[in-house]
Amino acid sequence: MAQLSGAEIAALVRQLLSPALAAVLDEQQDVDFAFSWRDRRPLRGSAFTQKGETALALRMIPTRIRASRSSVSHPWPGGWRTCREGSAS
């Protein structure tokens, strides 16, 4: 897979950003944004300057979230456990 150059990434980022967000990137060298890919998939992006070049990080946001037993919180009281900092148990 070919790598994009900093100039190619900068051109891509400019196509994704509104003029107002492009101005934020120019001033602060960092901007977060969201857009829809092909009007189907929501994406979140972060454009920033790294080592003098424009960089881009993208995340596809799921449209559905699957429930799993491990992600269900226990009801209060008695369901929450207090952990010391750095402790996983």
Protein backbone atom coordinates (compact mmCIF):
# COMPACT_ATOMS: atom_id res chain seq x y z
CA MET A 1 0.00 0.00 0.00
CA ALA A 2 1.40 3.38 -0.99
CA GLN A 3 1.87 6.07 1.64
CA LEU A 4 0.43 9.52 1.13
CA SER A 5 2.80 12.47 1.40
CA GLY A 6 2.17 15.31 3.81
CA ALA A 7 1.08 17.50 0.89
CA GLU A 8 -1.40 14.85 -0.28
CA ILE A 9 -2.82 14.50 3.22
CA ALA A 10 -3.08 18.29 3.53
CA ALA A 11 -5.02 18.44 0.24
CA LEU A 12 -7.36 15.67 1.42
CA VAL A 13 -7.93 17.39 4.75
CA ARG A 14 -8.80 20.69 3.01
CA GLN A 15 -11.49 18.86 1.02
CA LEU A 16 -13.03 17.51 4.25
CA LEU A 17 -13.00 20.73 6.28
CA SER A 18 -15.30 23.71 6.07
CA PRO A 19 -13.56 27.09 5.66
CA ALA A 20 -14.16 27.81 9.35
CA LEU A 21 -12.54 24.53 10.44
CA ALA A 22 -9.67 25.03 8.00
CA ALA A 23 -9.03 28.38 9.70
CA VAL A 24 -8.95 26.62 13.10
CA LEU A 25 -6.41 24.14 11.73
CA ASP A 26 -4.29 27.00 10.39
CA GLU A 27 -4.38 28.87 13.71
CA GLN A 28 -4.17 26.04 16.22
CA GLN A 29 -2.53 23.30 14.12
CA ASP A 30 -5.19 20.89 15.39
CA VAL A 31 -8.90 20.43 14.65
CA ASP A 32 -11.49 17.73 15.35
CA PHE A 33 -14.43 17.22 13.00
CA ALA A 34 -17.09 14.75 11.87
CA PHE A 35 -18.52 13.87 8.49
CA SER A 36 -20.53 11.20 6.71
CA TRP A 37 -18.89 8.90 4.18
CA ARG A 38 -21.11 8.25 1.17
CA ASP A 39 -24.05 9.45 3.30
CA ARG A 40 -23.98 6.12 5.12
CA ARG A 41 -21.18 5.90 7.65
CA PRO A 42 -20.39 8.56 10.25
CA LEU A 43 -16.71 9.28 10.77
CA ARG A 44 -14.81 11.39 13.27
CA GLY A 45 -11.56 12.96 12.26
CA SER A 46 -8.64 14.75 13.78
CA ALA A 47 -6.29 16.77 11.60
CA PHE A 48 -3.10 18.07 13.14
CA THR A 49 0.43 19.18 12.38
CA GLN A 50 3.17 16.71 13.24
CA LYS A 51 6.83 17.29 12.42
CA GLY A 52 5.82 20.17 10.16
CA GLU A 53 3.43 18.02 8.06
CA THR A 54 -0.34 17.65 8.12
CA ALA A 55 -1.51 14.37 9.64
CA LEU A 56 -4.98 12.85 9.77
CA ALA A 57 -6.60 10.28 12.06
CA LEU A 58 -10.06 8.89 11.21
CA ARG A 59 -12.46 6.68 13.17
CA MET A 60 -15.57 5.06 11.77
CA ILE A 61 -18.43 5.39 14.25
CA PRO A 62 -20.64 2.30 14.50
CA THR A 63 -24.26 2.82 13.53
CA ARG A 64 -25.36 0.03 15.87
CA ILE A 65 -23.87 -0.95 19.20
CA ARG A 66 -24.07 -4.60 20.21
CA ALA A 67 -24.79 -5.28 23.85
CA SER A 68 -22.61 -7.76 25.66
CA ARG A 69 -22.81 -9.12 29.14
CA SER A 70 -19.38 -7.75 30.00
CA SER A 71 -20.47 -4.20 29.16
CA VAL A 72 -23.57 -4.19 31.42
CA SER A 73 -23.10 -2.26 34.65
CA HIS A 74 -24.37 -3.64 37.93
CA PRO A 75 -27.16 -1.63 39.56
CA TRP A 76 -26.42 0.45 42.63
CA PRO A 77 -26.12 -0.27 45.58
CA GLY A 78 -23.56 -2.99 45.93
CA GLY A 79 -22.87 -3.38 42.23
CA TRP A 80 -20.03 -0.87 41.99
CA ARG A 81 -16.62 -1.77 43.31
CA THR A 82 -14.04 0.73 44.44
CA CYS A 83 -10.56 0.08 43.09
CA ARG A 84 -7.30 1.58 44.11
CA GLU A 85 -5.59 3.63 41.41
CA GLY A 86 -3.74 1.29 39.06
CA SER A 87 -5.64 -1.76 40.27
CA ALA A 88 -7.57 -3.84 37.76
CA SER A 89 -9.58 -5.79 40.33
